[in-house]
Amino acid sequence: VTGTDLSRPMLDAARERAAREDPTLPVEFLHAPMAPLPFDDRSFDLVVAHGVWNLARSGAEFRSAVREAARVAKPGAGLFVFTFSRHTLADDATPDPGETFVFSSWNGEPQVFLTEDELVSELARVGFARNGAIPIVEYNRPAPNALRTGGPPVIYEATFIRSEND
C-alpha cells in the first residue's frame, strides 16, 4: 500500500493511524504533487483520489492529475473518487475566466467543482469507465430550489474501472 498527499500534516496523520491500526501493514507514505506521480506506468491495482483533485487550481492541472492516475493504474484497476460537486455552489456561480469547472467563489481560491457528467467524461477521456455496479453518490446535496447558505461542500463518491485496452 502506498499513500501520497500534497499535505505533510495529512501524511503524518495517515502514518500515525496506520501504525495504530496495524503496525505490521506494509505501508509507504510519500509527499508528492498530483502530477507527476513518482511511480512507474501501470503500477497500481487501485487508485484512490480522496479530496485531492478538487484542489487543482486550473482545468489543466486537474486534467494532468487525472492523466497521471490513468498512467499509474494497471489495466482493470479500480479508481475511487471523492471530490467536490458543482452543487456546492450557487446555481448562478460562474467559473473563473478561461475555465469550465474551476471556481473561486466558494472560498476565494480556485478549486474544481464538477457536474456528474463532467466527472464521468473527464475520466472517460483518459480510459476510466464508470463502475456500473456501484452508483455515484452525492453527499450533502441541498433539496432542489433550496437556498444554499454555507455548510459543508457537496461531495461525489464514485468508482471507476481502468480500461483493459489503454
N, C-alpha and C. Protein backbone atom coordinates (compact mmCIF):
# COMPACT_ATOMS: atom_id res chain seq x y z
N VAL A 1 0.85 -1.17 0.00
CA VAL A 1 0.00 0.00 0.00
C VAL A 1 0.89 1.23 0.00
N THR A 2 0.59 2.15 -0.90
CA THR A 2 1.34 3.39 -1.00
C THR A 2 0.36 4.55 -0.92
N GLY A 3 0.64 5.51 -0.08
CA GLY A 3 -0.18 6.70 0.02
C GLY A 3 0.63 7.93 -0.32
N THR A 4 0.04 8.82 -1.10
CA THR A 4 0.67 10.10 -1.40
C THR A 4 -0.29 11.20 -1.01
N ASP A 5 0.26 12.37 -0.72
CA ASP A 5 -0.59 13.52 -0.43
C ASP A 5 0.22 14.78 -0.69
N LEU A 6 -0.52 15.86 -0.94
CA LEU A 6 0.08 17.18 -1.09
C LEU A 6 0.47 17.76 0.26
N SER A 7 -0.20 17.29 1.30
CA SER A 7 -0.09 17.87 2.63
C SER A 7 0.74 16.99 3.56
N ARG A 8 1.81 17.55 4.08
CA ARG A 8 2.62 16.80 5.04
C ARG A 8 1.84 16.48 6.32
N PRO A 9 1.02 17.41 6.86
CA PRO A 9 0.23 17.05 8.04
C PRO A 9 -0.74 15.88 7.79
N MET A 10 -1.31 15.79 6.60
CA MET A 10 -2.19 14.66 6.29
C MET A 10 -1.39 13.36 6.23
N LEU A 11 -0.19 13.43 5.69
CA LEU A 11 0.67 12.24 5.66
C LEU A 11 1.06 11.81 7.07
N ASP A 12 1.38 12.78 7.92
CA ASP A 12 1.71 12.45 9.31
C ASP A 12 0.54 11.77 10.01
N ALA A 13 -0.66 12.30 9.79
CA ALA A 13 -1.86 11.70 10.39
C ALA A 13 -2.08 10.28 9.86
N ALA A 14 -1.85 10.08 8.57
CA ALA A 14 -2.02 8.74 7.98
C ALA A 14 -1.00 7.76 8.55
N ARG A 15 0.24 8.21 8.70
CA ARG A 15 1.28 7.35 9.29
C ARG A 15 0.89 6.93 10.71
N GLU A 16 0.45 7.91 11.49
CA GLU A 16 0.07 7.63 12.88
C GLU A 16 -1.10 6.64 12.93
N ARG A 17 -2.08 6.85 12.07
CA ARG A 17 -3.24 5.96 12.08
C ARG A 17 -2.85 4.55 11.64
N ALA A 18 -2.04 4.45 10.60
CA ALA A 18 -1.61 3.13 10.12
C ALA A 18 -0.83 2.40 11.21
N ALA A 19 0.04 3.10 11.91
CA ALA A 19 0.83 2.48 12.98
C ALA A 19 -0.08 2.02 14.12
N ARG A 20 -1.09 2.80 14.41
CA ARG A 20 -2.03 2.47 15.48
C ARG A 20 -2.93 1.29 15.08
N GLU A 21 -3.40 1.28 13.84
CA GLU A 21 -4.34 0.25 13.38
C GLU A 21 -3.66 -1.11 13.19
N ASP A 22 -2.51 -1.10 12.51
CA ASP A 22 -1.80 -2.35 12.24
C ASP A 22 -0.34 -2.05 11.92
N PRO A 23 0.52 -2.06 12.93
CA PRO A 23 1.93 -1.72 12.71
C PRO A 23 2.66 -2.67 11.77
N THR A 24 2.07 -3.84 11.48
CA THR A 24 2.74 -4.79 10.58
C THR A 24 2.37 -4.56 9.11
N LEU A 25 1.41 -3.69 8.86
CA LEU A 25 0.97 -3.43 7.49
C LEU A 25 2.07 -2.75 6.69
N PRO A 26 2.43 -3.29 5.53
CA PRO A 26 3.48 -2.67 4.72
C PRO A 26 2.93 -1.45 3.97
N VAL A 27 3.07 -0.29 4.58
CA VAL A 27 2.55 0.95 4.02
C VAL A 27 3.70 1.93 3.83
N GLU A 28 3.67 2.61 2.70
CA GLU A 28 4.65 3.66 2.40
C GLU A 28 3.89 4.95 2.16
N PHE A 29 4.36 6.04 2.72
CA PHE A 29 3.73 7.35 2.54
C PHE A 29 4.73 8.30 1.91
N LEU A 30 4.28 9.00 0.86
CA LEU A 30 5.15 9.91 0.13
C LEU A 30 4.49 11.27 -0.04
N HIS A 31 5.25 12.31 0.17
CA HIS A 31 4.79 13.66 -0.16
C HIS A 31 5.00 13.83 -1.65
N ALA A 32 3.92 14.08 -2.39
CA ALA A 32 4.02 14.17 -3.84
C ALA A 32 2.92 15.08 -4.39
N PRO A 33 3.19 15.71 -5.53
CA PRO A 33 2.15 16.51 -6.19
C PRO A 33 1.13 15.59 -6.85
N MET A 34 0.05 16.19 -7.35
CA MET A 34 -0.94 15.41 -8.10
C MET A 34 -0.32 14.87 -9.39
N ALA A 35 0.59 15.63 -9.94
CA ALA A 35 1.28 15.22 -11.18
C ALA A 35 2.58 16.00 -11.28
N PRO A 36 3.64 15.35 -11.70
CA PRO A 36 3.73 13.93 -12.00
C PRO A 36 3.87 13.10 -10.72
N LEU A 37 3.34 11.91 -10.76
CA LEU A 37 3.48 10.98 -9.64
C LEU A 37 4.78 10.19 -9.80
N PRO A 38 5.46 9.90 -8.70
CA PRO A 38 6.77 9.23 -8.77
C PRO A 38 6.69 7.71 -8.86
N PHE A 39 5.87 7.22 -9.80
CA PHE A 39 5.67 5.78 -9.94
C PHE A 39 5.75 5.38 -11.40
N ASP A 40 6.07 4.11 -11.63
CA ASP A 40 6.10 3.57 -12.98
C ASP A 40 4.69 3.46 -13.55
N ASP A 41 4.60 3.40 -14.86
CA ASP A 41 3.33 3.16 -15.53
C ASP A 41 2.75 1.83 -15.04
N ARG A 42 1.43 1.81 -14.95
CA ARG A 42 0.69 0.58 -14.63
C ARG A 42 1.19 -0.10 -13.35
N SER A 43 1.35 0.69 -12.30
CA SER A 43 1.90 0.19 -11.03
C SER A 43 0.85 -0.27 -10.02
N PHE A 44 -0.38 0.21 -10.13
CA PHE A 44 -1.33 0.03 -9.03
C PHE A 44 -2.62 -0.66 -9.47
N ASP A 45 -3.13 -1.51 -8.58
CA ASP A 45 -4.40 -2.19 -8.78
C ASP A 45 -5.58 -1.32 -8.38
N LEU A 46 -5.33 -0.33 -7.54
CA LEU A 46 -6.36 0.58 -7.07
C LEU A 46 -5.74 1.96 -6.88
N VAL A 47 -6.43 2.97 -7.38
CA VAL A 47 -6.03 4.36 -7.17
C VAL A 47 -7.17 5.04 -6.42
N VAL A 48 -6.82 5.76 -5.36
CA VAL A 48 -7.81 6.50 -4.58
C VAL A 48 -7.48 7.98 -4.68
N ALA A 49 -8.44 8.75 -5.18
CA ALA A 49 -8.29 10.21 -5.25
C ALA A 49 -9.33 10.78 -4.28
N HIS A 50 -8.94 10.90 -3.04
CA HIS A 50 -9.86 11.29 -1.97
C HIS A 50 -9.61 12.75 -1.58
N GLY A 51 -10.46 13.63 -2.08
CA GLY A 51 -10.37 15.03 -1.69
C GLY A 51 -9.12 15.72 -2.16
N VAL A 52 -8.61 15.34 -3.31
CA VAL A 52 -7.38 15.97 -3.80
C VAL A 52 -7.61 16.68 -5.13
N TRP A 53 -8.33 16.07 -6.06
CA TRP A 53 -8.48 16.69 -7.38
C TRP A 53 -9.22 18.01 -7.32
N ASN A 54 -10.09 18.19 -6.33
CA ASN A 54 -10.78 19.47 -6.21
C ASN A 54 -9.81 20.60 -5.87
N LEU A 55 -8.61 20.27 -5.42
CA LEU A 55 -7.61 21.29 -5.09
C LEU A 55 -6.84 21.79 -6.30
N ALA A 56 -7.07 21.19 -7.47
CA ALA A 56 -6.42 21.69 -8.69
C ALA A 56 -6.85 23.13 -8.91
N ARG A 57 -5.90 23.97 -9.32
CA ARG A 57 -6.17 25.39 -9.47
C ARG A 57 -6.53 25.78 -10.90
N SER A 58 -6.56 24.78 -11.79
CA SER A 58 -6.95 25.03 -13.18
C SER A 58 -7.45 23.73 -13.78
N GLY A 59 -8.18 23.87 -14.88
CA GLY A 59 -8.60 22.68 -15.60
C GLY A 59 -7.41 21.89 -16.10
N ALA A 60 -6.36 22.59 -16.51
CA ALA A 60 -5.15 21.91 -17.00
C ALA A 60 -4.50 21.09 -15.88
N GLU A 61 -4.43 21.65 -14.67
CA GLU A 61 -3.84 20.91 -13.55
C GLU A 61 -4.71 19.69 -13.20
N PHE A 62 -6.02 19.87 -13.21
CA PHE A 62 -6.93 18.75 -12.94
C PHE A 62 -6.73 17.64 -13.97
N ARG A 63 -6.72 18.02 -15.25
CA ARG A 63 -6.57 17.01 -16.31
C ARG A 63 -5.22 16.30 -16.23
N SER A 64 -4.19 17.03 -15.84
CA SER A 64 -2.88 16.41 -15.66
C SER A 64 -2.93 15.37 -14.54
N ALA A 65 -3.60 15.69 -13.45
CA ALA A 65 -3.72 14.75 -12.32
C ALA A 65 -4.51 13.51 -12.73
N VAL A 66 -5.58 13.70 -13.49
CA VAL A 66 -6.40 12.58 -13.95
C VAL A 66 -5.59 11.69 -14.90
N ARG A 67 -4.82 12.31 -15.79
CA ARG A 67 -3.96 11.53 -16.69
C ARG A 67 -2.93 10.71 -15.90
N GLU A 68 -2.39 11.30 -14.84
CA GLU A 68 -1.42 10.58 -14.00
C GLU A 68 -2.07 9.38 -13.32
N ALA A 69 -3.29 9.55 -12.84
CA ALA A 69 -4.00 8.42 -12.23
C ALA A 69 -4.15 7.30 -13.25
N ALA A 70 -4.50 7.66 -14.47
CA ALA A 70 -4.65 6.65 -15.52
C ALA A 70 -3.30 6.01 -15.85
N ARG A 71 -2.25 6.79 -15.86
CA ARG A 71 -0.92 6.27 -16.20
C ARG A 71 -0.45 5.23 -15.18
N VAL A 72 -0.67 5.49 -13.90
CA VAL A 72 -0.16 4.58 -12.87
C VAL A 72 -1.10 3.41 -12.57
N ALA A 73 -2.32 3.47 -13.09
CA ALA A 73 -3.28 2.38 -12.86
C ALA A 73 -3.05 1.25 -13.86
N LYS A 74 -3.05 0.04 -13.35
CA LYS A 74 -2.97 -1.13 -14.22
C LYS A 74 -4.27 -1.25 -15.01
N PRO A 75 -4.24 -1.88 -16.18
CA PRO A 75 -5.50 -2.17 -16.87
C PRO A 75 -6.42 -2.97 -15.95
N GLY A 76 -7.67 -2.56 -15.87
CA GLY A 76 -8.63 -3.22 -15.00
C GLY A 76 -8.61 -2.72 -13.56
N ALA A 77 -7.69 -1.79 -13.25
CA ALA A 77 -7.60 -1.26 -11.88
C ALA A 77 -8.84 -0.45 -11.52
N GLY A 78 -9.13 -0.41 -10.24
CA GLY A 78 -10.21 0.41 -9.75
C GLY A 78 -9.74 1.83 -9.45
N LEU A 79 -10.67 2.76 -9.52
CA LEU A 79 -10.43 4.15 -9.14
C LEU A 79 -11.56 4.56 -8.22
N PHE A 80 -11.22 5.02 -7.02
CA PHE A 80 -12.20 5.57 -6.09
C PHE A 80 -11.99 7.07 -6.05
N VAL A 81 -13.07 7.83 -6.28
CA VAL A 81 -13.00 9.29 -6.33
C VAL A 81 -13.93 9.87 -5.27
N PHE A 82 -13.42 10.86 -4.56
CA PHE A 82 -14.18 11.61 -3.57
C PHE A 82 -13.83 13.07 -3.85
N THR A 83 -14.75 13.83 -4.47
CA THR A 83 -14.40 15.18 -4.92
C THR A 83 -15.61 16.10 -4.90
N PHE A 84 -15.35 17.39 -4.97
CA PHE A 84 -16.41 18.40 -4.91
C PHE A 84 -17.37 18.30 -6.09
N SER A 85 -18.65 18.47 -5.77
CA SER A 85 -19.71 18.56 -6.77
C SER A 85 -19.99 20.03 -7.08
N ARG A 86 -20.41 20.28 -8.29
CA ARG A 86 -20.82 21.63 -8.69
C ARG A 86 -21.99 22.12 -7.84
N HIS A 87 -22.76 21.19 -7.26
CA HIS A 87 -23.90 21.58 -6.43
C HIS A 87 -23.48 22.23 -5.11
N THR A 88 -22.19 22.29 -4.84
CA THR A 88 -21.70 23.04 -3.68
C THR A 88 -21.98 24.52 -3.85
N LEU A 89 -21.93 24.98 -5.09
CA LEU A 89 -22.01 26.40 -5.41
C LEU A 89 -23.43 26.81 -5.79
N ALA A 90 -23.68 28.11 -5.69
CA ALA A 90 -24.97 28.65 -6.13
C ALA A 90 -25.15 28.37 -7.62
N ASP A 91 -26.41 28.23 -8.03
CA ASP A 91 -26.70 27.94 -9.43
C ASP A 91 -26.14 28.99 -10.38
N ASP A 92 -26.06 30.23 -9.92
CA ASP A 92 -25.60 31.31 -10.81
C ASP A 92 -24.09 31.58 -10.70
N ALA A 93 -23.37 30.73 -9.99
CA ALA A 93 -21.91 30.89 -9.89
C ALA A 93 -21.29 30.72 -11.28
N THR A 94 -20.30 31.53 -11.57
CA THR A 94 -19.63 31.44 -12.87
C THR A 94 -18.19 30.97 -12.67
N PRO A 95 -17.71 30.14 -13.60
CA PRO A 95 -16.33 29.67 -13.47
C PRO A 95 -15.34 30.81 -13.64
N ASP A 96 -14.14 30.58 -13.17
CA ASP A 96 -13.08 31.56 -13.35
C ASP A 96 -12.85 31.79 -14.84
N PRO A 97 -12.35 32.97 -15.21
CA PRO A 97 -12.13 33.27 -16.62
C PRO A 97 -11.26 32.21 -17.30
N GLY A 98 -11.72 31.75 -18.46
CA GLY A 98 -10.98 30.75 -19.22
C GLY A 98 -11.14 29.33 -18.73
N GLU A 99 -11.93 29.12 -17.70
CA GLU A 99 -12.11 27.79 -17.12
C GLU A 99 -13.54 27.30 -17.32
N THR A 100 -13.71 26.00 -17.26
CA THR A 100 -15.03 25.39 -17.39
C THR A 100 -15.60 24.99 -16.04
N PHE A 101 -14.75 24.42 -15.18
CA PHE A 101 -15.24 23.89 -13.91
C PHE A 101 -14.35 24.29 -12.73
N VAL A 102 -13.60 25.37 -12.88
CA VAL A 102 -12.79 25.90 -11.78
C VAL A 102 -13.43 27.21 -11.33
N PHE A 103 -13.74 27.26 -10.04
CA PHE A 103 -14.42 28.41 -9.45
C PHE A 103 -13.63 28.90 -8.24
N SER A 104 -13.63 30.21 -8.03
CA SER A 104 -13.01 30.78 -6.82
C SER A 104 -14.05 31.32 -5.86
N SER A 105 -15.32 31.17 -6.20
CA SER A 105 -16.38 31.80 -5.41
C SER A 105 -16.67 31.10 -4.10
N TRP A 106 -16.19 29.87 -3.89
CA TRP A 106 -16.53 29.17 -2.65
C TRP A 106 -15.70 29.67 -1.48
N ASN A 107 -14.38 29.72 -1.63
CA ASN A 107 -13.53 30.18 -0.52
C ASN A 107 -12.46 31.17 -0.96
N GLY A 108 -12.60 31.71 -2.17
CA GLY A 108 -11.64 32.69 -2.66
C GLY A 108 -10.45 32.09 -3.37
N GLU A 109 -10.30 30.78 -3.33
CA GLU A 109 -9.20 30.08 -4.01
C GLU A 109 -9.76 29.27 -5.17
N PRO A 110 -9.05 29.20 -6.28
CA PRO A 110 -9.55 28.38 -7.39
C PRO A 110 -9.59 26.90 -6.99
N GLN A 111 -10.73 26.27 -7.24
CA GLN A 111 -10.91 24.85 -6.96
C GLN A 111 -11.84 24.25 -8.00
N VAL A 112 -11.74 22.94 -8.18
CA VAL A 112 -12.54 22.23 -9.16
C VAL A 112 -13.87 21.80 -8.54
N PHE A 113 -14.96 22.15 -9.25
CA PHE A 113 -16.32 21.74 -8.87
C PHE A 113 -16.96 21.16 -10.12
N LEU A 114 -17.16 19.85 -10.15
CA LEU A 114 -17.62 19.16 -11.35
C LEU A 114 -19.10 18.80 -11.27
N THR A 115 -19.75 18.78 -12.43
CA THR A 115 -21.04 18.12 -12.53
C THR A 115 -20.78 16.62 -12.66
N GLU A 116 -21.80 15.82 -12.47
CA GLU A 116 -21.61 14.38 -12.63
C GLU A 116 -21.17 14.05 -14.06
N ASP A 117 -21.79 14.70 -15.04
CA ASP A 117 -21.41 14.46 -16.44
C ASP A 117 -19.95 14.83 -16.70
N GLU A 118 -19.49 15.95 -16.12
CA GLU A 118 -18.09 16.34 -16.30
C GLU A 118 -17.15 15.33 -15.66
N LEU A 119 -17.48 14.87 -14.47
CA LEU A 119 -16.65 13.87 -13.80
C LEU A 119 -16.52 12.62 -14.67
N VAL A 120 -17.64 12.11 -15.13
CA VAL A 120 -17.64 10.89 -15.94
C VAL A 120 -16.90 11.11 -17.25
N SER A 121 -17.14 12.23 -17.93
CA SER A 121 -16.50 12.44 -19.23
C SER A 121 -15.01 12.72 -19.11
N GLU A 122 -14.58 13.46 -18.08
CA GLU A 122 -13.15 13.72 -17.89
C GLU A 122 -12.40 12.42 -17.62
N LEU A 123 -13.00 11.53 -16.85
CA LEU A 123 -12.34 10.25 -16.56
C LEU A 123 -12.39 9.32 -17.77
N ALA A 124 -13.47 9.36 -18.52
CA ALA A 124 -13.56 8.53 -19.73
C ALA A 124 -12.49 8.94 -20.74
N ARG A 125 -12.20 10.23 -20.80
CA ARG A 125 -11.20 10.75 -21.73
C ARG A 125 -9.83 10.08 -21.54
N VAL A 126 -9.53 9.64 -20.31
CA VAL A 126 -8.22 9.03 -20.03
C VAL A 126 -8.31 7.51 -19.82
N GLY A 127 -9.50 6.95 -20.06
CA GLY A 127 -9.60 5.49 -20.02
C GLY A 127 -10.24 4.89 -18.79
N PHE A 128 -10.95 5.69 -18.00
CA PHE A 128 -11.69 5.15 -16.86
C PHE A 128 -13.18 5.14 -17.20
N ALA A 129 -13.83 4.00 -16.98
CA ALA A 129 -15.27 3.87 -17.19
C ALA A 129 -15.96 3.75 -15.84
N ARG A 130 -17.18 4.26 -15.78
CA ARG A 130 -17.96 4.11 -14.55
C ARG A 130 -18.10 2.65 -14.19
N ASN A 131 -18.03 2.39 -12.91
CA ASN A 131 -18.32 1.05 -12.40
C ASN A 131 -19.83 0.98 -12.25
N GLY A 132 -20.49 0.33 -13.21
CA GLY A 132 -21.94 0.29 -13.22
C GLY A 132 -22.56 -0.43 -12.04
N ALA A 133 -21.78 -1.23 -11.34
CA ALA A 133 -22.30 -1.98 -10.19
C ALA A 133 -22.47 -1.10 -8.96
N ILE A 134 -21.81 0.06 -8.96
CA ILE A 134 -21.85 0.94 -7.79
C ILE A 134 -22.28 2.34 -8.25
N PRO A 135 -23.39 2.85 -7.74
CA PRO A 135 -23.85 4.16 -8.20
C PRO A 135 -22.95 5.29 -7.71
N ILE A 136 -22.97 6.39 -8.45
CA ILE A 136 -22.31 7.60 -7.99
C ILE A 136 -23.20 8.20 -6.91
N VAL A 137 -22.60 8.52 -5.77
CA VAL A 137 -23.34 9.08 -4.64
C VAL A 137 -22.94 10.54 -4.49
N GLU A 138 -23.91 11.37 -4.18
CA GLU A 138 -23.65 12.79 -3.94
C GLU A 138 -24.08 13.12 -2.51
N TYR A 139 -23.12 13.44 -1.67
CA TYR A 139 -23.39 13.74 -0.27
C TYR A 139 -23.63 15.23 -0.06
N ASN A 140 -24.47 15.56 0.90
CA ASN A 140 -24.74 16.93 1.35
C ASN A 140 -25.46 17.78 0.32
N ARG A 141 -26.07 17.18 -0.69
CA ARG A 141 -26.74 17.98 -1.72
C ARG A 141 -28.02 18.57 -1.15
N PRO A 142 -28.19 19.89 -1.31
CA PRO A 142 -29.42 20.51 -0.82
C PRO A 142 -30.62 20.09 -1.67
N ALA A 143 -31.78 20.22 -1.10
CA ALA A 143 -33.00 19.92 -1.84
C ALA A 143 -33.13 20.86 -3.03
N PRO A 144 -33.79 20.42 -4.11
CA PRO A 144 -33.98 21.31 -5.26
C PRO A 144 -34.62 22.63 -4.84
N ASN A 145 -34.13 23.71 -5.40
CA ASN A 145 -34.61 25.08 -5.14
C ASN A 145 -34.35 25.56 -3.71
N ALA A 146 -33.59 24.82 -2.93
CA ALA A 146 -33.27 25.26 -1.57
C ALA A 146 -32.21 26.35 -1.64
N LEU A 147 -32.33 27.33 -0.78
CA LEU A 147 -31.34 28.39 -0.70
C LEU A 147 -30.12 27.85 0.00
N ARG A 148 -28.97 27.93 -0.65
CA ARG A 148 -27.72 27.42 -0.08
C ARG A 148 -27.05 28.55 0.66
N THR A 149 -26.87 28.38 1.95
CA THR A 149 -26.26 29.44 2.78
C THR A 149 -25.08 28.90 3.56
N GLY A 150 -24.13 28.34 2.84
CA GLY A 150 -22.96 27.79 3.50
C GLY A 150 -23.12 26.31 3.78
N GLY A 151 -22.40 25.85 4.77
CA GLY A 151 -22.45 24.44 5.10
C GLY A 151 -21.34 23.68 4.41
N PRO A 152 -21.35 22.37 4.58
CA PRO A 152 -20.27 21.55 4.01
C PRO A 152 -20.38 21.49 2.49
N PRO A 153 -19.28 21.17 1.83
CA PRO A 153 -19.35 21.02 0.38
C PRO A 153 -20.18 19.80 -0.01
N VAL A 154 -20.76 19.86 -1.20
CA VAL A 154 -21.43 18.70 -1.76
C VAL A 154 -20.34 17.86 -2.41
N ILE A 155 -20.34 16.58 -2.12
CA ILE A 155 -19.25 15.68 -2.50
C ILE A 155 -19.76 14.52 -3.34
N TYR A 156 -19.03 14.23 -4.41
CA TYR A 156 -19.26 12.99 -5.16
C TYR A 156 -18.38 11.89 -4.60
N GLU A 157 -18.96 10.70 -4.52
CA GLU A 157 -18.21 9.48 -4.23
C GLU A 157 -18.54 8.53 -5.38
N ALA A 158 -17.49 8.09 -6.07
CA ALA A 158 -17.73 7.27 -7.25
C ALA A 158 -16.58 6.30 -7.47
N THR A 159 -16.89 5.22 -8.17
CA THR A 159 -15.86 4.26 -8.54
C THR A 159 -15.86 4.07 -10.05
N PHE A 160 -14.67 3.87 -10.56
CA PHE A 160 -14.44 3.69 -12.00
C PHE A 160 -13.49 2.52 -12.18
N ILE A 161 -13.41 2.03 -13.40
CA ILE A 161 -12.52 0.93 -13.75
C ILE A 161 -11.65 1.37 -14.93
N ARG A 162 -10.36 1.12 -14.81
CA ARG A 162 -9.41 1.46 -15.89
C ARG A 162 -9.60 0.48 -17.04
N SER A 163 -9.68 1.01 -18.23
CA SER A 163 -9.85 0.19 -19.42
C SER A 163 -8.72 -0.82 -19.56
N GLU A 164 -9.05 -1.97 -20.05
CA GLU A 164 -8.04 -3.01 -20.31
C GLU A 164 -7.23 -2.70 -21.57
N ASN A 165 -7.73 -1.79 -22.40
CA ASN A 165 -7.13 -1.55 -23.72
C ASN A 165 -6.17 -0.38 -23.77
N ASP A 166 -6.09 0.41 -22.74
CA ASP A 166 -5.24 1.62 -22.81
C ASP A 166 -3.86 1.36 -22.28
